[in-house]
């Protein structure tokens, strides 16, 4: 179960501030798109996404996007952001994380992953030796598959909360964050898919 436990938990991507990331030694952030930064129905970054990405860039934190979604979705969302973006990544495969880290010039100790799913996002990050921040989904799908998946995530998050408590202040910007363990060990788009 250790590889399923995130290192941190926040309520929204916007709560993951440059101040917090700097305080944990993060210089590189790899982020999921769907239900992490935007709901599936949102084809383009909104003002909140752009402001948040701008704040990270201004603080010297480099970002790459990774997604299990298809090329069209990822290219449309990432067009004009000037950051590496990867599609069809087949998370929890580790290959996409390695490729994203290479594109950023990142090392595991200063890289953090941001996503909304335990069995794809968090597990892929932990298998790759980088820290993971878990967010709740922005707008969860209601299909039977996703309902079962979220049900299976509950015991993992209960254990995480037992280990890390109900929440501690996340720094000067004041978001609530649980966790606190230290790590566990461009182009607009890419030219291929992660296998």
N, C-alpha and C. Protein backbone atom coordinates (compact mmCIF):
# COMPACT_ATOMS: atom_id res chain seq x y z
N UNK A 1 0.82 -1.20 0.00
CA UNK A 1 0.00 0.00 0.00
C UNK A 1 0.86 1.26 0.00
N UNK A 2 2.13 1.13 0.37
CA UNK A 2 3.01 2.30 0.47
C UNK A 2 3.09 3.09 -0.83
N UNK A 3 3.11 2.41 -1.97
CA UNK A 3 3.22 3.10 -3.27
C UNK A 3 1.91 3.73 -3.70
N UNK A 4 0.84 3.54 -2.93
CA UNK A 4 -0.44 4.17 -3.24
C UNK A 4 -0.67 5.42 -2.40
N UNK A 5 0.12 5.61 -1.37
CA UNK A 5 -0.10 6.74 -0.46
C UNK A 5 0.55 8.01 -1.00
N UNK A 6 -0.23 9.08 -1.14
CA UNK A 6 0.38 10.35 -1.56
C UNK A 6 1.24 10.92 -0.44
N UNK A 7 2.06 11.88 -0.78
CA UNK A 7 2.86 12.58 0.22
C UNK A 7 2.12 13.78 0.79
N UNK A 8 1.23 14.36 -0.02
CA UNK A 8 0.48 15.54 0.37
C UNK A 8 -0.92 15.46 -0.22
N UNK A 9 -1.83 16.19 0.40
CA UNK A 9 -3.20 16.28 -0.11
C UNK A 9 -3.66 17.72 -0.02
N UNK A 10 -4.22 18.24 -1.11
CA UNK A 10 -4.76 19.59 -1.17
C UNK A 10 -6.18 19.52 -1.70
N UNK A 11 -6.94 20.59 -1.51
CA UNK A 11 -8.32 20.65 -1.98
C UNK A 11 -8.46 21.04 -3.44
N UNK A 12 -7.44 21.70 -4.00
CA UNK A 12 -7.51 22.20 -5.38
C UNK A 12 -6.09 22.49 -5.86
N UNK A 13 -5.90 22.44 -7.17
CA UNK A 13 -4.58 22.78 -7.72
C UNK A 13 -4.17 24.19 -7.32
N UNK A 14 -5.13 25.10 -7.21
CA UNK A 14 -4.82 26.49 -6.87
C UNK A 14 -4.25 26.63 -5.46
N UNK A 15 -4.51 25.65 -4.60
CA UNK A 15 -3.96 25.66 -3.24
C UNK A 15 -2.50 25.23 -3.20
N UNK A 16 -2.03 24.63 -4.28
CA UNK A 16 -0.64 24.18 -4.35
C UNK A 16 0.18 25.38 -4.84
N UNK A 17 0.61 26.18 -3.89
CA UNK A 17 1.24 27.46 -4.20
C UNK A 17 2.74 27.33 -4.45
N UNK A 18 3.31 28.31 -5.14
CA UNK A 18 4.78 28.33 -5.28
C UNK A 18 5.48 28.33 -3.92
N UNK A 19 4.90 29.02 -2.94
CA UNK A 19 5.52 29.05 -1.60
C UNK A 19 5.58 27.64 -1.00
N UNK A 20 4.48 26.90 -1.11
CA UNK A 20 4.48 25.54 -0.58
C UNK A 20 5.49 24.68 -1.34
N UNK A 21 5.44 24.71 -2.68
CA UNK A 21 6.35 23.88 -3.47
C UNK A 21 7.80 24.23 -3.17
N UNK A 22 8.10 25.50 -3.03
CA UNK A 22 9.46 25.91 -2.67
C UNK A 22 9.86 25.38 -1.31
N UNK A 23 8.92 25.36 -0.37
CA UNK A 23 9.22 24.90 0.99
C UNK A 23 9.56 23.41 1.04
N UNK A 24 9.13 22.64 0.04
CA UNK A 24 9.47 21.21 0.01
C UNK A 24 10.55 20.90 -1.03
N UNK A 25 11.18 21.94 -1.54
CA UNK A 25 12.29 21.75 -2.47
C UNK A 25 11.89 21.36 -3.88
N UNK A 26 10.67 21.69 -4.26
CA UNK A 26 10.19 21.35 -5.60
C UNK A 26 10.57 22.44 -6.60
N UNK A 27 11.27 22.01 -7.66
CA UNK A 27 11.60 22.92 -8.76
C UNK A 27 10.93 22.48 -10.06
N UNK A 28 10.35 21.26 -10.04
CA UNK A 28 9.71 20.69 -11.22
C UNK A 28 8.39 20.05 -10.80
N UNK A 29 7.33 20.36 -11.55
CA UNK A 29 6.01 19.81 -11.25
C UNK A 29 5.47 19.14 -12.50
N UNK A 30 5.07 17.89 -12.35
CA UNK A 30 4.40 17.16 -13.43
C UNK A 30 2.94 17.05 -13.03
N UNK A 31 2.04 17.51 -13.90
CA UNK A 31 0.62 17.57 -13.54
C UNK A 31 -0.25 16.83 -14.54
N UNK A 32 -1.25 16.14 -14.01
CA UNK A 32 -2.32 15.57 -14.81
C UNK A 32 -3.20 16.74 -15.27
N UNK A 33 -4.02 16.51 -16.28
CA UNK A 33 -4.94 17.55 -16.75
C UNK A 33 -6.36 17.30 -16.27
N UNK A 34 -6.95 16.20 -16.73
CA UNK A 34 -8.39 15.96 -16.51
C UNK A 34 -8.72 15.70 -15.05
N UNK A 35 -9.62 16.53 -14.53
CA UNK A 35 -10.10 16.50 -13.16
C UNK A 35 -9.04 16.89 -12.14
N UNK A 36 -7.87 17.29 -12.61
CA UNK A 36 -6.83 17.84 -11.75
C UNK A 36 -6.73 19.35 -11.99
N UNK A 37 -6.51 19.73 -13.24
CA UNK A 37 -6.44 21.15 -13.60
C UNK A 37 -7.75 21.65 -14.21
N UNK A 38 -8.49 20.76 -14.83
CA UNK A 38 -9.73 21.16 -15.51
C UNK A 38 -10.66 19.95 -15.62
N UNK A 39 -11.97 20.18 -15.61
CA UNK A 39 -12.88 19.06 -15.88
C UNK A 39 -12.74 18.62 -17.33
N UNK A 40 -13.18 17.40 -17.61
CA UNK A 40 -13.08 16.86 -18.96
C UNK A 40 -13.71 17.79 -20.00
N UNK A 41 -14.79 18.47 -19.63
CA UNK A 41 -15.54 19.30 -20.57
C UNK A 41 -14.86 20.63 -20.89
N UNK A 42 -13.80 20.98 -20.16
CA UNK A 42 -13.12 22.26 -20.38
C UNK A 42 -11.97 22.06 -21.35
N UNK A 43 -12.13 22.48 -22.60
CA UNK A 43 -11.10 22.18 -23.61
C UNK A 43 -9.83 23.02 -23.50
N UNK A 44 -9.94 24.21 -22.94
CA UNK A 44 -8.80 25.13 -22.87
C UNK A 44 -8.54 25.55 -21.43
N UNK A 45 -7.32 25.97 -21.12
CA UNK A 45 -7.05 26.49 -19.78
C UNK A 45 -7.91 27.73 -19.51
N UNK A 46 -8.44 27.84 -18.31
CA UNK A 46 -9.21 29.03 -17.96
C UNK A 46 -8.28 30.05 -17.28
N UNK A 47 -8.85 31.17 -16.87
CA UNK A 47 -8.04 32.22 -16.24
C UNK A 47 -7.33 31.73 -14.99
N UNK A 48 -8.02 30.89 -14.21
CA UNK A 48 -7.40 30.33 -13.00
C UNK A 48 -6.19 29.46 -13.33
N UNK A 49 -6.33 28.60 -14.34
CA UNK A 49 -5.19 27.77 -14.78
C UNK A 49 -4.02 28.64 -15.20
N UNK A 50 -4.31 29.65 -16.03
CA UNK A 50 -3.25 30.51 -16.55
C UNK A 50 -2.56 31.30 -15.44
N UNK A 51 -3.33 31.81 -14.50
CA UNK A 51 -2.74 32.55 -13.37
C UNK A 51 -1.86 31.64 -12.52
N UNK A 52 -2.35 30.42 -12.24
CA UNK A 52 -1.59 29.48 -11.42
C UNK A 52 -0.30 29.07 -12.12
N UNK A 53 -0.40 28.71 -13.41
CA UNK A 53 0.80 28.33 -14.15
C UNK A 53 1.78 29.50 -14.23
N UNK A 54 1.26 30.70 -14.39
CA UNK A 54 2.12 31.89 -14.40
C UNK A 54 2.84 32.09 -13.08
N UNK A 55 2.14 31.84 -11.97
CA UNK A 55 2.76 32.01 -10.65
C UNK A 55 3.87 30.98 -10.45
N UNK A 56 3.67 29.77 -10.95
CA UNK A 56 4.73 28.75 -10.84
C UNK A 56 5.94 29.15 -11.67
N UNK A 57 5.69 29.57 -12.89
CA UNK A 57 6.78 29.99 -13.77
C UNK A 57 7.54 31.16 -13.15
N UNK A 58 6.82 32.11 -12.60
CA UNK A 58 7.44 33.27 -11.97
C UNK A 58 8.31 32.90 -10.77
N UNK A 59 8.00 31.77 -10.14
CA UNK A 59 8.78 31.30 -8.99
C UNK A 59 9.89 30.35 -9.41
N UNK A 60 10.05 30.15 -10.73
CA UNK A 60 11.11 29.28 -11.22
C UNK A 60 10.79 27.80 -11.18
N UNK A 61 9.50 27.47 -11.09
CA UNK A 61 9.08 26.06 -11.08
C UNK A 61 8.64 25.69 -12.48
N UNK A 62 9.31 24.71 -13.07
CA UNK A 62 8.99 24.24 -14.41
C UNK A 62 7.91 23.19 -14.34
N UNK A 63 6.99 23.21 -15.32
CA UNK A 63 5.83 22.32 -15.33
C UNK A 63 5.77 21.53 -16.64
N UNK A 64 5.35 20.27 -16.52
CA UNK A 64 5.01 19.45 -17.69
C UNK A 64 3.64 18.85 -17.43
N UNK A 65 2.88 18.64 -18.49
CA UNK A 65 1.56 18.01 -18.38
C UNK A 65 1.63 16.59 -18.90
N UNK A 66 0.95 15.68 -18.20
CA UNK A 66 0.85 14.29 -18.64
C UNK A 66 -0.61 13.88 -18.56
N UNK A 67 -1.03 13.03 -19.48
CA UNK A 67 -2.43 12.66 -19.51
C UNK A 67 -2.61 11.29 -20.15
N UNK A 68 -3.59 10.57 -19.66
CA UNK A 68 -4.00 9.33 -20.32
C UNK A 68 -4.95 9.63 -21.47
N UNK A 69 -5.38 10.87 -21.58
CA UNK A 69 -6.30 11.26 -22.64
C UNK A 69 -5.55 11.31 -23.98
N UNK A 70 -6.30 11.47 -25.06
CA UNK A 70 -5.74 11.44 -26.40
C UNK A 70 -5.04 12.71 -26.83
N UNK A 71 -4.38 12.60 -27.95
CA UNK A 71 -3.57 13.69 -28.51
C UNK A 71 -4.38 14.97 -28.72
N UNK A 72 -5.57 14.86 -29.31
CA UNK A 72 -6.36 16.04 -29.61
C UNK A 72 -6.67 16.85 -28.35
N UNK A 73 -7.09 16.15 -27.29
CA UNK A 73 -7.43 16.82 -26.03
C UNK A 73 -6.21 17.51 -25.43
N UNK A 74 -5.10 16.79 -25.36
CA UNK A 74 -3.91 17.32 -24.71
C UNK A 74 -3.30 18.46 -25.51
N UNK A 75 -3.22 18.32 -26.83
CA UNK A 75 -2.67 19.40 -27.65
C UNK A 75 -3.51 20.66 -27.58
N UNK A 76 -4.83 20.49 -27.60
CA UNK A 76 -5.71 21.66 -27.51
C UNK A 76 -5.54 22.38 -26.19
N UNK A 77 -5.51 21.62 -25.08
CA UNK A 77 -5.37 22.23 -23.76
C UNK A 77 -4.02 22.91 -23.59
N UNK A 78 -2.96 22.29 -24.11
CA UNK A 78 -1.61 22.80 -23.84
C UNK A 78 -1.12 23.81 -24.88
N UNK A 79 -1.84 23.95 -25.98
CA UNK A 79 -1.40 24.86 -27.04
C UNK A 79 -1.19 26.27 -26.46
N UNK A 80 -0.07 26.83 -26.73
CA UNK A 80 0.21 28.19 -26.29
C UNK A 80 0.75 28.30 -24.88
N UNK A 81 0.81 27.20 -24.12
CA UNK A 81 1.31 27.30 -22.75
C UNK A 81 2.84 27.30 -22.70
N UNK A 82 3.46 26.75 -23.75
CA UNK A 82 4.92 26.73 -23.79
C UNK A 82 5.54 25.74 -22.82
N UNK A 83 4.81 24.69 -22.47
CA UNK A 83 5.34 23.67 -21.57
C UNK A 83 5.18 22.30 -22.24
N UNK A 84 6.05 21.35 -21.88
CA UNK A 84 5.92 20.01 -22.46
C UNK A 84 4.58 19.38 -22.07
N UNK A 85 3.97 18.68 -23.01
CA UNK A 85 2.69 18.02 -22.75
C UNK A 85 2.70 16.66 -23.43
N UNK A 86 2.21 15.65 -22.73
CA UNK A 86 2.27 14.27 -23.19
C UNK A 86 0.89 13.64 -23.12
N UNK A 87 0.55 12.82 -24.12
CA UNK A 87 -0.77 12.18 -24.20
C UNK A 87 -0.62 10.67 -24.30
N UNK A 88 -1.74 9.97 -24.13
CA UNK A 88 -1.76 8.50 -24.19
C UNK A 88 -0.66 7.88 -23.34
N UNK A 89 -0.52 8.36 -22.13
CA UNK A 89 0.61 7.96 -21.29
C UNK A 89 0.43 6.62 -20.56
N UNK A 90 -0.76 6.09 -20.58
CA UNK A 90 -1.03 4.77 -19.98
C UNK A 90 -0.60 4.69 -18.53
N UNK A 91 -0.89 5.73 -17.77
CA UNK A 91 -0.60 5.68 -16.35
C UNK A 91 -1.36 4.50 -15.74
N UNK A 92 -0.70 3.76 -14.87
CA UNK A 92 0.47 4.12 -14.06
C UNK A 92 1.84 3.76 -14.63
N UNK A 93 1.97 3.70 -15.93
CA UNK A 93 3.28 3.50 -16.54
C UNK A 93 4.26 4.57 -16.05
N UNK A 94 5.51 4.17 -15.84
CA UNK A 94 6.54 5.11 -15.41
C UNK A 94 7.19 5.85 -16.59
N UNK A 95 7.04 5.31 -17.76
CA UNK A 95 7.77 5.86 -18.90
C UNK A 95 7.46 7.34 -19.14
N UNK A 96 6.19 7.71 -19.03
CA UNK A 96 5.82 9.11 -19.28
C UNK A 96 6.46 10.05 -18.27
N UNK A 97 6.62 9.60 -17.04
CA UNK A 97 7.25 10.45 -16.04
C UNK A 97 8.73 10.66 -16.38
N UNK A 98 9.39 9.60 -16.77
CA UNK A 98 10.80 9.73 -17.18
C UNK A 98 10.95 10.69 -18.36
N UNK A 99 10.06 10.53 -19.34
CA UNK A 99 10.11 11.39 -20.52
C UNK A 99 9.85 12.84 -20.15
N UNK A 100 8.86 13.09 -19.30
CA UNK A 100 8.56 14.46 -18.85
C UNK A 100 9.72 15.04 -18.06
N UNK A 101 10.32 14.23 -17.19
CA UNK A 101 11.46 14.71 -16.41
C UNK A 101 12.64 15.04 -17.32
N UNK A 102 12.88 14.22 -18.32
CA UNK A 102 13.96 14.51 -19.27
C UNK A 102 13.69 15.83 -20.00
N UNK A 103 12.44 16.04 -20.40
CA UNK A 103 12.08 17.27 -21.11
C UNK A 103 12.31 18.50 -20.24
N UNK A 104 12.11 18.35 -18.93
CA UNK A 104 12.29 19.46 -18.00
C UNK A 104 13.73 19.59 -17.50
N UNK A 105 14.53 18.56 -17.68
CA UNK A 105 15.86 18.53 -17.08
C UNK A 105 15.77 18.32 -15.58
N UNK A 106 14.78 17.55 -15.15
CA UNK A 106 14.46 17.39 -13.73
C UNK A 106 15.14 16.17 -13.12
N UNK A 107 15.29 16.21 -11.80
CA UNK A 107 15.77 15.07 -11.04
C UNK A 107 14.68 14.66 -10.04
N UNK A 108 14.65 13.40 -9.62
CA UNK A 108 13.58 12.94 -8.73
C UNK A 108 13.44 13.72 -7.43
N UNK A 109 14.55 14.12 -6.83
CA UNK A 109 14.49 14.79 -5.52
C UNK A 109 13.77 16.13 -5.57
N UNK A 110 13.80 16.79 -6.71
CA UNK A 110 13.17 18.12 -6.79
C UNK A 110 11.92 18.12 -7.68
N UNK A 111 11.36 16.92 -7.92
CA UNK A 111 10.17 16.78 -8.77
C UNK A 111 8.99 16.29 -7.95
N UNK A 112 7.83 16.87 -8.21
CA UNK A 112 6.58 16.47 -7.54
C UNK A 112 5.52 16.25 -8.62
N UNK A 113 4.64 15.29 -8.38
CA UNK A 113 3.56 14.97 -9.29
C UNK A 113 2.23 15.42 -8.69
N UNK A 114 1.33 15.94 -9.51
CA UNK A 114 0.03 16.44 -9.07
C UNK A 114 -1.07 15.73 -9.84
N UNK A 115 -1.97 15.04 -9.13
CA UNK A 115 -3.05 14.33 -9.81
C UNK A 115 -4.22 14.03 -8.90
N UNK A 116 -5.30 13.53 -9.50
CA UNK A 116 -6.54 13.28 -8.75
C UNK A 116 -6.85 11.81 -8.51
N UNK A 117 -6.06 10.90 -9.06
CA UNK A 117 -6.37 9.48 -8.91
C UNK A 117 -5.23 8.71 -8.24
N UNK A 118 -5.61 7.85 -7.31
CA UNK A 118 -4.63 7.04 -6.58
C UNK A 118 -3.98 6.01 -7.51
N UNK A 119 -4.81 5.24 -8.23
CA UNK A 119 -4.32 4.07 -8.95
C UNK A 119 -3.64 4.40 -10.28
N UNK A 120 -3.71 5.63 -10.72
CA UNK A 120 -2.98 6.03 -11.92
C UNK A 120 -1.93 7.07 -11.55
N UNK A 121 -2.34 8.22 -11.06
CA UNK A 121 -1.44 9.33 -10.81
C UNK A 121 -0.47 9.06 -9.66
N UNK A 122 -1.00 8.81 -8.48
CA UNK A 122 -0.14 8.62 -7.30
C UNK A 122 0.74 7.40 -7.48
N UNK A 123 0.16 6.30 -7.93
CA UNK A 123 0.93 5.07 -8.10
C UNK A 123 2.05 5.25 -9.12
N UNK A 124 1.80 5.92 -10.21
CA UNK A 124 2.84 6.17 -11.21
C UNK A 124 3.97 7.02 -10.63
N UNK A 125 3.61 8.04 -9.88
CA UNK A 125 4.63 8.90 -9.25
C UNK A 125 5.49 8.11 -8.28
N UNK A 126 4.85 7.36 -7.41
CA UNK A 126 5.59 6.61 -6.39
C UNK A 126 6.48 5.54 -7.02
N UNK A 127 5.99 4.90 -8.06
CA UNK A 127 6.81 3.90 -8.77
C UNK A 127 8.02 4.56 -9.41
N UNK A 128 7.92 5.85 -9.69
CA UNK A 128 9.01 6.59 -10.34
C UNK A 128 9.95 7.24 -9.33
N UNK A 129 9.65 7.09 -8.05
CA UNK A 129 10.52 7.64 -7.02
C UNK A 129 10.36 9.13 -6.77
N UNK A 130 9.20 9.68 -7.14
CA UNK A 130 8.96 11.10 -6.86
C UNK A 130 7.75 11.26 -5.94
N UNK A 131 7.68 12.41 -5.33
CA UNK A 131 6.57 12.69 -4.41
C UNK A 131 5.29 12.97 -5.18
N UNK A 132 4.17 12.73 -4.50
CA UNK A 132 2.86 12.91 -5.13
C UNK A 132 1.95 13.76 -4.27
N UNK A 133 1.24 14.67 -4.93
CA UNK A 133 0.19 15.46 -4.30
C UNK A 133 -1.13 14.96 -4.86
N UNK A 134 -2.04 14.61 -3.99
CA UNK A 134 -3.37 14.11 -4.38
C UNK A 134 -4.39 15.22 -4.20
N UNK A 135 -5.21 15.42 -5.23
CA UNK A 135 -6.32 16.35 -5.19
C UNK A 135 -7.62 15.57 -5.33
N UNK A 136 -8.73 16.09 -4.83
CA UNK A 136 -10.01 15.47 -5.17
C UNK A 136 -10.33 15.80 -6.63
N UNK A 137 -11.10 14.96 -7.31
CA UNK A 137 -11.45 15.28 -8.70
C UNK A 137 -12.30 16.55 -8.75
N UNK A 138 -12.08 17.36 -9.76
CA UNK A 138 -12.87 18.58 -9.94
C UNK A 138 -14.33 18.25 -10.16
N UNK A 139 -14.58 17.36 -11.11
CA UNK A 139 -15.95 16.92 -11.40
C UNK A 139 -15.85 15.45 -11.80
N UNK A 140 -16.18 14.59 -10.86
CA UNK A 140 -15.97 13.16 -11.08
C UNK A 140 -16.97 12.59 -12.06
N UNK A 141 -16.49 11.63 -12.85
CA UNK A 141 -17.40 10.90 -13.73
C UNK A 141 -18.26 9.98 -12.87
N UNK A 142 -19.48 9.75 -13.31
CA UNK A 142 -20.41 8.94 -12.53
C UNK A 142 -20.60 7.53 -13.10
N UNK A 143 -19.72 7.10 -13.99
CA UNK A 143 -19.85 5.76 -14.54
C UNK A 143 -19.55 4.73 -13.45
N UNK A 144 -20.01 3.52 -13.66
CA UNK A 144 -19.78 2.45 -12.70
C UNK A 144 -18.29 2.26 -12.46
N UNK A 145 -17.48 2.28 -13.51
CA UNK A 145 -16.04 2.11 -13.38
C UNK A 145 -15.45 3.14 -12.43
N UNK A 146 -15.79 4.41 -12.61
CA UNK A 146 -15.23 5.46 -11.76
C UNK A 146 -15.78 5.40 -10.34
N UNK A 147 -17.04 5.02 -10.18
CA UNK A 147 -17.60 4.89 -8.82
C UNK A 147 -16.87 3.79 -8.06
N UNK A 148 -16.58 2.68 -8.72
CA UNK A 148 -15.85 1.58 -8.06
C UNK A 148 -14.42 2.02 -7.74
N UNK A 149 -13.80 2.70 -8.70
CA UNK A 149 -12.43 3.19 -8.49
C UNK A 149 -12.35 4.13 -7.28
N UNK A 150 -13.28 5.06 -7.19
CA UNK A 150 -13.27 6.00 -6.05
C UNK A 150 -13.55 5.27 -4.74
N UNK A 151 -14.40 4.26 -4.78
CA UNK A 151 -14.68 3.45 -3.59
C UNK A 151 -13.40 2.75 -3.12
N UNK A 152 -12.63 2.23 -4.06
CA UNK A 152 -11.38 1.55 -3.72
C UNK A 152 -10.32 2.52 -3.20
N UNK A 153 -10.42 3.80 -3.57
CA UNK A 153 -9.46 4.79 -3.09
C UNK A 153 -9.70 5.18 -1.63
N UNK A 154 -10.92 5.01 -1.16
CA UNK A 154 -11.26 5.47 0.20
C UNK A 154 -10.38 4.89 1.30
N UNK A 155 -10.15 3.57 1.34
CA UNK A 155 -9.29 3.05 2.41
C UNK A 155 -7.85 3.58 2.33
N UNK A 156 -7.36 3.82 1.13
CA UNK A 156 -6.02 4.36 0.97
C UNK A 156 -5.96 5.76 1.59
N UNK A 157 -6.94 6.59 1.28
CA UNK A 157 -6.93 7.96 1.82
C UNK A 157 -7.22 7.98 3.32
N UNK A 158 -8.02 7.04 3.82
CA UNK A 158 -8.22 6.95 5.28
C UNK A 158 -6.89 6.65 5.96
N UNK A 159 -6.14 5.73 5.39
CA UNK A 159 -4.83 5.41 5.97
C UNK A 159 -3.90 6.61 5.90
N UNK A 160 -3.87 7.27 4.77
CA UNK A 160 -3.05 8.47 4.62
C UNK A 160 -3.40 9.49 5.71
N UNK A 161 -4.68 9.75 5.92
CA UNK A 161 -5.10 10.75 6.91
C UNK A 161 -4.79 10.31 8.33
N UNK A 162 -4.85 9.00 8.60
CA UNK A 162 -4.46 8.52 9.93
C UNK A 162 -2.98 8.76 10.16
N UNK A 163 -2.16 8.57 9.14
CA UNK A 163 -0.72 8.77 9.26
C UNK A 163 -0.32 10.23 9.35
N UNK A 164 -1.05 11.10 8.65
CA UNK A 164 -0.64 12.50 8.52
C UNK A 164 -1.54 13.50 9.22
N UNK A 165 -2.61 13.07 9.82
CA UNK A 165 -3.49 13.99 10.52
C UNK A 165 -4.48 14.66 9.61
N UNK A 166 -5.30 15.51 10.21
CA UNK A 166 -6.42 16.13 9.50
C UNK A 166 -6.03 17.34 8.69
N UNK A 167 -4.87 17.91 8.92
CA UNK A 167 -4.48 19.07 8.14
C UNK A 167 -3.59 19.99 8.92
N UNK A 168 -2.63 20.59 8.25
CA UNK A 168 -1.75 21.56 8.86
C UNK A 168 -1.66 22.75 7.92
N UNK A 169 -1.35 23.92 8.43
CA UNK A 169 -1.22 25.07 7.53
C UNK A 169 -0.15 24.81 6.49
N UNK A 170 -0.43 25.25 5.27
CA UNK A 170 0.48 24.97 4.16
C UNK A 170 1.41 26.11 3.82
N UNK A 171 1.69 26.99 4.75
CA UNK A 171 2.64 28.05 4.47
C UNK A 171 2.00 29.42 4.49
N UNK A 172 2.71 30.40 3.97
CA UNK A 172 2.27 31.78 4.09
C UNK A 172 1.01 32.08 3.30
N UNK A 173 0.75 31.29 2.25
CA UNK A 173 -0.47 31.53 1.48
C UNK A 173 -1.70 30.90 2.13
N UNK A 174 -1.49 30.07 3.18
CA UNK A 174 -2.57 29.60 4.01
C UNK A 174 -3.45 28.46 3.54
N UNK A 175 -3.13 27.67 2.50
CA UNK A 175 -4.01 26.56 2.17
C UNK A 175 -3.89 25.47 3.22
N UNK A 176 -4.92 24.68 3.36
CA UNK A 176 -4.86 23.53 4.24
C UNK A 176 -4.25 22.39 3.46
N UNK A 177 -3.29 21.73 4.07
CA UNK A 177 -2.63 20.60 3.44
C UNK A 177 -2.44 19.54 4.49
N UNK A 178 -2.64 18.31 4.11
CA UNK A 178 -2.26 17.24 5.01
C UNK A 178 -1.02 16.61 4.46
N UNK A 179 -0.29 16.00 5.32
CA UNK A 179 0.95 15.37 4.89
C UNK A 179 2.11 16.10 5.48
N UNK A 180 3.20 16.04 4.84
CA UNK A 180 4.36 16.73 5.34
C UNK A 180 5.60 15.87 5.27
N UNK A 181 5.47 14.62 4.88
CA UNK A 181 6.66 13.80 4.71
C UNK A 181 7.48 14.38 3.59
N UNK A 182 8.76 14.35 3.75
CA UNK A 182 9.62 14.69 2.62
C UNK A 182 9.56 13.55 1.64
N UNK A 183 10.10 13.74 0.50
CA UNK A 183 9.95 12.83 -0.63
C UNK A 183 10.31 11.39 -0.35
N UNK A 184 9.73 10.54 -1.16
CA UNK A 184 10.00 9.11 -1.07
C UNK A 184 10.78 8.68 -2.28
N UNK A 185 11.44 8.84 -1.90
CA UNK A 185 12.38 8.37 -2.82
C UNK A 185 12.16 8.28 -4.30
N UNK A 186 10.12 24.65 -22.92
CA UNK A 186 9.81 23.67 -23.78
C UNK A 186 8.99 23.95 -25.03
N UNK A 187 8.63 22.55 -25.22
CA UNK A 187 7.82 22.51 -26.44
C UNK A 187 6.34 22.56 -26.08
N UNK A 188 5.50 22.96 -27.05
CA UNK A 188 4.06 22.98 -26.81
C UNK A 188 3.49 21.58 -26.69
N UNK A 189 4.04 20.63 -27.37
CA UNK A 189 3.58 19.24 -27.28
C UNK A 189 4.73 18.34 -27.67
N UNK A 190 4.50 17.06 -27.63
CA UNK A 190 5.56 16.12 -27.93
C UNK A 190 5.33 15.48 -29.29
N UNK A 191 6.32 14.75 -29.74
CA UNK A 191 6.26 14.16 -31.06
C UNK A 191 5.83 12.70 -31.07
N UNK A 192 5.34 12.19 -30.00
CA UNK A 192 4.93 10.79 -29.97
C UNK A 192 4.14 10.51 -28.73
N UNK A 193 3.77 9.27 -28.54
CA UNK A 193 3.02 8.93 -27.34
C UNK A 193 3.86 8.11 -26.41
N UNK A 194 3.51 8.09 -25.15
CA UNK A 194 4.22 7.28 -24.16
C UNK A 194 3.65 5.89 -24.17
N UNK A 195 4.47 4.90 -24.37
CA UNK A 195 4.00 3.51 -24.38
C UNK A 195 4.28 2.86 -23.05
